Amino acid sequence: MSDDIANFVIMANADAIKRGALAIWTVYDRPKDYPDGYIARLHEAGKGSVTATGKTVTGELEHIRKVFWRAGLLKLSRQEGDEPQVVESWV
């Protein structure tokens, strides 16, 4: 199952690249709209703006990390100014 989700992530990133955008997956810990656990949301950065998409990956934190690792992404630590529920981002 993780391989299917990793392929979903790879395809979502490829679609962003086709649009000239950088795909950034931000992992949140129990945000208001997903209080049951972790959710990673795809944002596309390009042309001076960042746009949230409807694409998500949910599950336990280690599961999400495993999916992104299998998809060949790199982890970015939290940044100063991130919302409190942001755990990390992946590109």
PDB file of N, CA and C in Angstrom:
ATOM      1  N   MET A   1       0.816  -1.189   0.000  1.00  0.00           N
ATOM      2  CA  MET A   1       0.000   0.000   0.000  1.00  0.00           C
ATOM      3  C   MET A   1       0.860   1.254   0.000  1.00  0.00           C
ATOM      4  N   SER A   2       1.944   1.281   0.736  1.00  0.00           N
ATOM      5  CA  SER A   2       2.830   2.439   0.748  1.00  0.00           C
ATOM      6  C   SER A   2       3.377   2.737  -0.639  1.00  0.00           C
ATOM      7  N   ASP A   3       3.616   1.668  -1.434  1.00  0.00           N
ATOM      8  CA  ASP A   3       4.122   1.885  -2.794  1.00  0.00           C
ATOM      9  C   ASP A   3       3.081   2.589  -3.657  1.00  0.00           C
ATOM     10  N   ASP A   4       1.800   2.242  -3.500  1.00  0.00           N
ATOM     11  CA  ASP A   4       0.738   2.920  -4.245  1.00  0.00           C
ATOM     12  C   ASP A   4       0.686   4.396  -3.875  1.00  0.00           C
ATOM     13  N   ILE A   5       0.798   4.675  -2.592  1.00  0.00           N
ATOM     14  CA  ILE A   5       0.757   6.067  -2.142  1.00  0.00           C
ATOM     15  C   ILE A   5       2.017   6.797  -2.598  1.00  0.00           C
ATOM     16  N   ALA A   6       3.166   6.130  -2.560  1.00  0.00           N
ATOM     17  CA  ALA A   6       4.403   6.746  -3.054  1.00  0.00           C
ATOM     18  C   ALA A   6       4.265   7.087  -4.534  1.00  0.00           C
ATOM     19  N   ASN A   7       3.642   6.204  -5.314  1.00  0.00           N
ATOM     20  CA  ASN A   7       3.415   6.494  -6.732  1.00  0.00           C
ATOM     21  C   ASN A   7       2.479   7.683  -6.909  1.00  0.00           C
ATOM     22  N   PHE A   8       1.463   7.803  -6.054  1.00  0.00           N
ATOM     23  CA  PHE A   8       0.565   8.959  -6.067  1.00  0.00           C
ATOM     24  C   PHE A   8       1.366  10.246  -5.842  1.00  0.00           C
ATOM     25  N   VAL A   9       2.274  10.220  -4.867  1.00  0.00           N
ATOM     26  CA  VAL A   9       3.114  11.382  -4.558  1.00  0.00           C
ATOM     27  C   VAL A   9       4.018  11.711  -5.745  1.00  0.00           C
ATOM     28  N   ILE A  10       4.635  10.709  -6.327  1.00  0.00           N
ATOM     29  CA  ILE A  10       5.516  10.917  -7.486  1.00  0.00           C
ATOM     30  C   ILE A  10       4.747  11.558  -8.631  1.00  0.00           C
ATOM     31  N   MET A  11       3.553  11.063  -8.907  1.00  0.00           N
ATOM     32  CA  MET A  11       2.749  11.615 -10.007  1.00  0.00           C
ATOM     33  C   MET A  11       2.296  13.044  -9.702  1.00  0.00           C
ATOM     34  N   ALA A  12       1.931  13.310  -8.455  1.00  0.00           N
ATOM     35  CA  ALA A  12       1.523  14.668  -8.069  1.00  0.00           C
ATOM     36  C   ALA A  12       2.690  15.634  -8.240  1.00  0.00           C
ATOM     37  N   ASN A  13       3.884  15.201  -7.864  1.00  0.00           N
ATOM     38  CA  ASN A  13       5.068  16.049  -8.036  1.00  0.00           C
ATOM     39  C   ASN A  13       5.361  16.277  -9.511  1.00  0.00           C
ATOM     40  N   ALA A  14       5.224  15.242 -10.320  1.00  0.00           N
ATOM     41  CA  ALA A  14       5.466  15.375 -11.764  1.00  0.00           C
ATOM     42  C   ALA A  14       4.473  16.353 -12.384  1.00  0.00           C
ATOM     43  N   ASP A  15       3.222  16.297 -11.957  1.00  0.00           N
ATOM     44  CA  ASP A  15       2.213  17.232 -12.458  1.00  0.00           C
ATOM     45  C   ASP A  15       2.578  18.669 -12.102  1.00  0.00           C
ATOM     46  N   ALA A  16       3.075  18.880 -10.878  1.00  0.00           N
ATOM     47  CA  ALA A  16       3.486  20.227 -10.456  1.00  0.00           C
ATOM     48  C   ALA A  16       4.635  20.727 -11.333  1.00  0.00           C
ATOM     49  N   ILE A  17       5.593  19.854 -11.593  1.00  0.00           N
ATOM     50  CA  ILE A  17       6.740  20.230 -12.432  1.00  0.00           C
ATOM     51  C   ILE A  17       6.267  20.634 -13.825  1.00  0.00           C
ATOM     52  N   LYS A  18       5.306  19.908 -14.375  1.00  0.00           N
ATOM     53  CA  LYS A  18       4.763  20.244 -15.699  1.00  0.00           C
ATOM     54  C   LYS A  18       4.175  21.650 -15.719  1.00  0.00           C
ATOM     55  N   ARG A  19       3.662  22.094 -14.569  1.00  0.00           N
ATOM     56  CA  ARG A  19       3.099  23.440 -14.467  1.00  0.00           C
ATOM     57  C   ARG A  19       4.158  24.470 -14.087  1.00  0.00           C
ATOM     58  N   GLY A  20       5.406  24.038 -13.961  1.00  0.00           N
ATOM     59  CA  GLY A  20       6.491  24.952 -13.600  1.00  0.00           C
ATOM     60  C   GLY A  20       6.531  25.286 -12.125  1.00  0.00           C
ATOM     61  N   ALA A  21       5.984  24.393 -11.290  1.00  0.00           N
ATOM     62  CA  ALA A  21       5.919  24.643  -9.849  1.00  0.00           C
ATOM     63  C   ALA A  21       6.773  23.637  -9.077  1.00  0.00           C
ATOM     64  N   LEU A  22       7.167  24.034  -7.892  1.00  0.00           N
ATOM     65  CA  LEU A  22       7.866  23.157  -6.958  1.00  0.00           C
ATOM     66  C   LEU A  22       6.832  22.548  -6.033  1.00  0.00           C
ATOM     67  N   ALA A  23       6.827  21.232  -5.904  1.00  0.00           N
ATOM     68  CA  ALA A  23       5.903  20.534  -5.008  1.00  0.00           C
ATOM     69  C   ALA A  23       6.493  20.504  -3.601  1.00  0.00           C
ATOM     70  N   ILE A  24       5.710  20.965  -2.640  1.00  0.00           N
ATOM     71  CA  ILE A  24       6.117  20.965  -1.236  1.00  0.00           C
ATOM     72  C   ILE A  24       5.012  20.290  -0.437  1.00  0.00           C
ATOM     73  N   TRP A  25       5.355  19.189   0.214  1.00  0.00           N
ATOM     74  CA  TRP A  25       4.403  18.468   1.056  1.00  0.00           C
ATOM     75  C   TRP A  25       4.643  18.896   2.501  1.00  0.00           C
ATOM     76  N   THR A  26       3.652  19.497   3.131  1.00  0.00           N
ATOM     77  CA  THR A  26       3.774  19.943   4.519  1.00  0.00           C
ATOM     78  C   THR A  26       2.987  18.988   5.411  1.00  0.00           C
ATOM     79  N   VAL A  27       3.657  18.485   6.441  1.00  0.00           N
ATOM     80  CA  VAL A  27       3.055  17.531   7.369  1.00  0.00           C
ATOM     81  C   VAL A  27       2.560  18.298   8.598  1.00  0.00           C
ATOM     82  N   TYR A  28       1.282  18.077   8.923  1.00  0.00           N
ATOM     83  CA  TYR A  28       0.645  18.732  10.060  1.00  0.00           C
ATOM     84  C   TYR A  28       0.255  17.691  11.102  1.00  0.00           C
ATOM     85  N   ASP A  29       0.381  18.074  12.385  1.00  0.00           N
ATOM     86  CA  ASP A  29      -0.032  17.229  13.508  1.00  0.00           C
ATOM     87  C   ASP A  29      -1.406  17.675  13.984  1.00  0.00           C
ATOM     88  N   ARG A  30      -2.404  16.871  13.712  1.00  0.00           N
ATOM     89  CA  ARG A  30      -3.776  17.082  14.171  1.00  0.00           C
ATOM     90  C   ARG A  30      -4.311  18.492  13.926  1.00  0.00           C
ATOM     91  N   PRO A  31      -4.350  18.906  12.669  1.00  0.00           N
ATOM     92  CA  PRO A  31      -4.951  20.217  12.383  1.00  0.00           C
ATOM     93  C   PRO A  31      -6.460  20.166  12.634  1.00  0.00           C
ATOM     94  N   LYS A  32      -7.082  21.309  12.680  1.00  0.00           N
ATOM     95  CA  LYS A  32      -8.519  21.377  12.992  1.00  0.00           C
ATOM     96  C   LYS A  32      -9.369  20.517  12.067  1.00  0.00           C
ATOM     97  N   ASP A  33      -9.022  20.461  10.796  1.00  0.00           N
ATOM     98  CA  ASP A  33      -9.841  19.694   9.854  1.00  0.00           C
ATOM     99  C   ASP A  33      -9.451  18.221   9.771  1.00  0.00           C
ATOM    100  N   TYR A  34      -8.441  17.789  10.531  1.00  0.00           N
ATOM    101  CA  TYR A  34      -8.050  16.378  10.577  1.00  0.00           C
ATOM    102  C   TYR A  34      -7.516  16.072  11.977  1.00  0.00           C
ATOM    103  N   PRO A  35      -8.399  16.053  12.983  1.00  0.00           N
ATOM    104  CA  PRO A  35      -7.960  15.911  14.377  1.00  0.00           C
ATOM    105  C   PRO A  35      -7.510  14.515  14.777  1.00  0.00           C
ATOM    106  N   ASP A  36      -7.640  13.534  13.887  1.00  0.00           N
ATOM    107  CA  ASP A  36      -7.333  12.148  14.251  1.00  0.00           C
ATOM    108  C   ASP A  36      -5.878  11.748  14.061  1.00  0.00           C
ATOM    109  N   GLY A  37      -5.053  12.606  13.527  1.00  0.00           N
ATOM    110  CA  GLY A  37      -3.656  12.214  13.318  1.00  0.00           C
ATOM    111  C   GLY A  37      -2.919  13.185  12.435  1.00  0.00           C
ATOM    112  N   TYR A  38      -2.043  12.646  11.627  1.00  0.00           N
ATOM    113  CA  TYR A  38      -1.175  13.457  10.777  1.00  0.00           C
ATOM    114  C   TYR A  38      -1.721  13.512   9.354  1.00  0.00           C
ATOM    115  N   ILE A  39      -1.529  14.653   8.726  1.00  0.00           N
ATOM    116  CA  ILE A  39      -1.919  14.828   7.338  1.00  0.00           C
ATOM    117  C   ILE A  39      -0.828  15.634   6.638  1.00  0.00           C
ATOM    118  N   ALA A  40      -0.484  15.196   5.455  1.00  0.00           N
ATOM    119  CA  ALA A  40       0.476  15.935   4.624  1.00  0.00           C
ATOM    120  C   ALA A  40      -0.304  16.522   3.464  1.00  0.00           C
ATOM    121  N   ARG A  41      -0.130  17.815   3.247  1.00  0.00           N
ATOM    122  CA  ARG A  41      -0.833  18.505   2.166  1.00  0.00           C
ATOM    123  C   ARG A  41       0.167  18.981   1.130  1.00  0.00           C
ATOM    124  N   LEU A  42      -0.212  18.822  -0.123  1.00  0.00           N
ATOM    125  CA  LEU A  42       0.632  19.289  -1.216  1.00  0.00           C
ATOM    126  C   LEU A  42       0.356  20.757  -1.497  1.00  0.00           C
ATOM    127  N   HIS A  43       1.447  21.537  -1.521  1.00  0.00           N
ATOM    128  CA  HIS A  43       1.408  22.932  -1.937  1.00  0.00           C
ATOM    129  C   HIS A  43       2.321  23.048  -3.155  1.00  0.00           C
ATOM    130  N   GLU A  44       1.957  23.919  -4.076  1.00  0.00           N
ATOM    131  CA  GLU A  44       2.789  24.162  -5.252  1.00  0.00           C
ATOM    132  C   GLU A  44       3.296  25.597  -5.203  1.00  0.00           C
ATOM    133  N   ALA A  45       4.617  25.743  -5.274  1.00  0.00           N
ATOM    134  CA  ALA A  45       5.249  27.059  -5.246  1.00  0.00           C
ATOM    135  C   ALA A  45       5.766  27.396  -6.634  1.00  0.00           C
ATOM    136  N   GLY A  46       5.421  28.582  -7.089  1.00  0.00           N
ATOM    137  CA  GLY A  46       5.899  29.025  -8.389  1.00  0.00           C
ATOM    138  C   GLY A  46       5.295  30.355  -8.769  1.00  0.00           C
ATOM    139  N   LYS A  47       6.006  31.093  -9.594  1.00  0.00           N
ATOM    140  CA  LYS A  47       5.523  32.393 -10.078  1.00  0.00           C
ATOM    141  C   LYS A  47       5.163  33.330  -8.934  1.00  0.00           C
ATOM    142  N   GLY A  48       5.963  33.298  -7.861  1.00  0.00           N
ATOM    143  CA  GLY A  48       5.782  34.228  -6.760  1.00  0.00           C
ATOM    144  C   GLY A  48       4.678  33.905  -5.775  1.00  0.00           C
ATOM    145  N   SER A  49       4.109  32.717  -5.854  1.00  0.00           N
ATOM    146  CA  SER A  49       3.052  32.376  -4.907  1.00  0.00           C
ATOM    147  C   SER A  49       3.122  30.897  -4.536  1.00  0.00           C
ATOM    148  N   VAL A  50       2.433  30.567  -3.456  1.00  0.00           N
ATOM    149  CA  VAL A  50       2.293  29.178  -3.013  1.00  0.00           C
ATOM    150  C   VAL A  50       0.796  28.871  -2.988  1.00  0.00           C
ATOM    151  N   THR A  51       0.420  27.775  -3.653  1.00  0.00           N
ATOM    152  CA  THR A  51      -0.979  27.403  -3.758  1.00  0.00           C
ATOM    153  C   THR A  51      -1.197  26.037  -3.128  1.00  0.00           C
ATOM    154  N   ALA A  52      -2.163  25.956  -2.225  1.00  0.00           N
ATOM    155  CA  ALA A  52      -2.539  24.665  -1.647  1.00  0.00           C
ATOM    156  C   ALA A  52      -3.351  23.890  -2.671  1.00  0.00           C
ATOM    157  N   THR A  53      -3.110  22.591  -2.735  1.00  0.00           N
ATOM    158  CA  THR A  53      -3.893  21.723  -3.612  1.00  0.00           C
ATOM    159  C   THR A  53      -4.789  20.861  -2.729  1.00  0.00           C
ATOM    160  N   GLY A  54      -5.614  20.065  -3.315  1.00  0.00           N
ATOM    161  CA  GLY A  54      -6.468  19.160  -2.554  1.00  0.00           C
ATOM    162  C   GLY A  54      -5.832  17.807  -2.307  1.00  0.00           C
ATOM    163  N   LYS A  55      -4.568  17.657  -2.706  1.00  0.00           N
ATOM    164  CA  LYS A  55      -3.907  16.353  -2.574  1.00  0.00           C
ATOM    165  C   LYS A  55      -3.319  16.193  -1.176  1.00  0.00           C
ATOM    166  N   THR A  56      -3.614  15.037  -0.558  1.00  0.00           N
ATOM    167  CA  THR A  56      -3.147  14.778   0.799  1.00  0.00           C
ATOM    168  C   THR A  56      -2.705  13.331   0.962  1.00  0.00           C
ATOM    169  N   VAL A  57      -1.907  13.123   1.999  1.00  0.00           N
ATOM    170  CA  VAL A  57      -1.526  11.788   2.476  1.00  0.00           C
ATOM    171  C   VAL A  57      -1.792  11.808   3.978  1.00  0.00           C
ATOM    172  N   THR A  58      -2.463  10.779   4.485  1.00  0.00           N
ATOM    173  CA  THR A  58      -2.782  10.724   5.911  1.00  0.00           C
ATOM    174  C   THR A  58      -2.239   9.457   6.540  1.00  0.00           C
ATOM    175  N   GLY A  59      -2.147   9.485   7.860  1.00  0.00           N
ATOM    176  CA  GLY A  59      -1.702   8.301   8.594  1.00  0.00           C
ATOM    177  C   GLY A  59      -0.784   8.677   9.738  1.00  0.00           C
ATOM    178  N   GLU A  60      -0.159   7.665  10.297  1.00  0.00           N
ATOM    179  CA  GLU A  60       0.825   7.898  11.350  1.00  0.00           C
ATOM    180  C   GLU A  60       2.042   8.598  10.755  1.00  0.00           C
ATOM    181  N   LEU A  61       2.756   9.338  11.574  1.00  0.00           N
ATOM    182  CA  LEU A  61       3.901  10.118  11.098  1.00  0.00           C
ATOM    183  C   LEU A  61       4.946   9.234  10.422  1.00  0.00           C
ATOM    184  N   GLU A  62       5.275   8.101  11.000  1.00  0.00           N
ATOM    185  CA  GLU A  62       6.296   7.228  10.403  1.00  0.00           C
ATOM    186  C   GLU A  62       5.834   6.670   9.058  1.00  0.00           C
ATOM    187  N   HIS A  63       4.535   6.410   8.912  1.00  0.00           N
ATOM    188  CA  HIS A  63       3.997   5.947   7.635  1.00  0.00           C
ATOM    189  C   HIS A  63       4.174   7.031   6.564  1.00  0.00           C
ATOM    190  N   ILE A  64       3.817   8.266   6.894  1.00  0.00           N
ATOM    191  CA  ILE A  64       3.959   9.375   5.947  1.00  0.00           C
ATOM    192  C   ILE A  64       5.426   9.553   5.564  1.00  0.00           C
ATOM    193  N   ARG A  65       6.307   9.505   6.542  1.00  0.00           N
ATOM    194  CA  ARG A  65       7.749   9.643   6.257  1.00  0.00           C
ATOM    195  C   ARG A  65       8.227   8.530   5.329  1.00  0.00           C
ATOM    196  N   LYS A  66       7.772   7.319   5.567  1.00  0.00           N
ATOM    197  CA  LYS A  66       8.172   6.180   4.734  1.00  0.00           C
ATOM    198  C   LYS A  66       7.699   6.377   3.289  1.00  0.00           C
ATOM    199  N   VAL A  67       6.474   6.859   3.125  1.00  0.00           N
ATOM    200  CA  VAL A  67       5.941   7.124   1.785  1.00  0.00           C
ATOM    201  C   VAL A  67       6.807   8.144   1.063  1.00  0.00           C
ATOM    202  N   PHE A  68       7.112   9.255   1.727  1.00  0.00           N
ATOM    203  CA  PHE A  68       7.903  10.306   1.077  1.00  0.00           C
ATOM    204  C   PHE A  68       9.329   9.847   0.792  1.00  0.00           C
ATOM    205  N   TRP A  69       9.885   9.059   1.697  1.00  0.00           N
ATOM    206  CA  TRP A  69      11.228   8.524   1.461  1.00  0.00           C
ATOM    207  C   TRP A  69      11.216   7.626   0.230  1.00  0.00           C
ATOM    208  N   ARG A  70      10.199   6.758   0.123  1.00  0.00           N
ATOM    209  CA  ARG A  70      10.078   5.869  -1.049  1.00  0.00           C
ATOM    210  C   ARG A  70       9.871   6.652  -2.337  1.00  0.00           C
ATOM    211  N   ALA A  71       9.247   7.816  -2.230  1.00  0.00           N
ATOM    212  CA  ALA A  71       9.015   8.662  -3.401  1.00  0.00           C
ATOM    213  C   ALA A  71      10.253   9.482  -3.766  1.00  0.00           C
ATOM    214  N   GLY A  72      11.313   9.371  -2.960  1.00  0.00           N
ATOM    215  CA  GLY A  72      12.565  10.062  -3.263  1.00  0.00           C
ATOM    216  C   GLY A  72      12.619  11.510  -2.814  1.00  0.00           C
ATOM    217  N   LEU A  73      11.766  11.881  -1.860  1.00  0.00           N
ATOM    218  CA  LEU A  73      11.745  13.262  -1.395  1.00  0.00           C
ATOM    219  C   LEU A  73      12.753  13.490  -0.278  1.00  0.00           C
ATOM    220  N   LEU A  74      13.041  14.765  -0.027  1.00  0.00           N
ATOM    221  CA  LEU A  74      13.962  15.174   1.028  1.00  0.00           C
ATOM    222  C   LEU A  74      13.201  15.925   2.106  1.00  0.00           C
ATOM    223  N   LYS A  75      13.530  15.640   3.367  1.00  0.00           N
ATOM    224  CA  LYS A  75      12.846  16.266   4.499  1.00  0.00           C
ATOM    225  C   LYS A  75      13.472  17.610   4.845  1.00  0.00           C
ATOM    226  N   LEU A  76      12.612  18.596   5.081  1.00  0.00           N
ATOM    227  CA  LEU A  76      13.022  19.902   5.572  1.00  0.00           C
ATOM    228  C   LEU A  76      12.466  20.060   6.980  1.00  0.00           C
ATOM    229  N   SER A  77      13.286  20.498   7.904  1.00  0.00           N
ATOM    230  CA  SER A  77      12.837  20.680   9.284  1.00  0.00           C
ATOM    231  C   SER A  77      11.893  21.870   9.377  1.00  0.00           C
ATOM    232  N   ARG A  78      11.219  21.950  10.494  1.00  0.00           N
ATOM    233  CA  ARG A  78      10.357  23.112  10.764  1.00  0.00           C
ATOM    234  C   ARG A  78      11.171  24.387  10.619  1.00  0.00           C
ATOM    235  N   GLN A  79      10.503  25.424  10.176  1.00  0.00           N
ATOM    236  CA  GLN A  79      11.143  26.718  10.023  1.00  0.00           C
ATOM    237  C   GLN A  79      10.539  27.712  11.015  1.00  0.00           C
ATOM    238  N   GLU A  80      11.341  28.668  11.418  1.00  0.00           N
ATOM    239  CA  GLU A  80      10.831  29.714  12.288  1.00  0.00           C
ATOM    240  C   GLU A  80       9.659  30.389  11.580  1.00  0.00           C
ATOM    241  N   GLY A  81       8.584  30.579  12.279  1.00  0.00           N
ATOM    242  CA  GLY A  81       7.410  31.195  11.685  1.00  0.00           C
ATOM    243  C   GLY A  81       6.379  30.203  11.184  1.00  0.00           C
ATOM    244  N   ASP A  82       6.711  28.898  11.175  1.00  0.00           N
ATOM    245  CA  ASP A  82       5.734  27.884  10.778  1.00  0.00           C
ATOM    246  C   ASP A  82       4.581  27.866  11.785  1.00  0.00           C
ATOM    247  N   GLU A  83       3.409  27.482  11.312  1.00  0.00           N
ATOM    248  CA  GLU A  83       2.279  27.291  12.205  1.00  0.00           C
ATOM    249  C   GLU A  83       2.650  26.232  13.239  1.00  0.00           C
ATOM    250  N   PRO A  84       2.100  26.314  14.453  1.00  0.00           N
ATOM    251  CA  PRO A  84       2.480  25.368  15.520  1.00  0.00           C
ATOM    252  C   PRO A  84       2.260  23.902  15.170  1.00  0.00           C
ATOM    253  N   GLN A  85       1.255  23.599  14.352  1.00  0.00           N
ATOM    254  CA  GLN A  85       0.961  22.202  14.019  1.00  0.00           C
ATOM    255  C   GLN A  85       1.821  21.642  12.890  1.00  0.00           C
ATOM    256  N   VAL A  86       2.676  22.472  12.271  1.00  0.00           N
ATOM    257  CA  VAL A  86       3.568  21.978  11.220  1.00  0.00           C
ATOM    258  C   VAL A  86       4.679  21.159  11.858  1.00  0.00           C
ATOM    259  N   VAL A  87       4.841  19.925  11.364  1.00  0.00           N
ATOM    260  CA  VAL A  87       5.877  19.033  11.876  1.00  0.00           C
ATOM    261  C   VAL A  87       7.137  19.170  11.026  1.00  0.00           C
ATOM    262  N   GLU A  88       6.958  19.126   9.692  1.00  0.00           N
ATOM    263  CA  GLU A  88       8.080  19.173   8.747  1.00  0.00           C
ATOM    264  C   GLU A  88       7.506  19.316   7.357  1.00  0.00           C
ATOM    265  N   SER A  89       8.388  19.545   6.388  1.00  0.00           N
ATOM    266  CA  SER A  89       7.986  19.586   4.978  1.00  0.00           C
ATOM    267  C   SER A  89       8.911  18.694   4.184  1.00  0.00           C
ATOM    268  N   TRP A  90       8.433  18.277   3.004  1.00  0.00           N
ATOM    269  CA  TRP A  90       9.199  17.394   2.118  1.00  0.00           C
ATOM    270  C   TRP A  90       9.176  17.948   0.700  1.00  0.00           C
ATOM    271  N   VAL A  91      10.314  17.936   0.037  1.00  0.00           N
ATOM    272  CA  VAL A  91      10.404  18.372  -1.366  1.00  0.00           C
ATOM    273  C   VAL A  91      11.100  17.312  -2.178  1.00  0.00           C
TER     274      VAL A  91
END
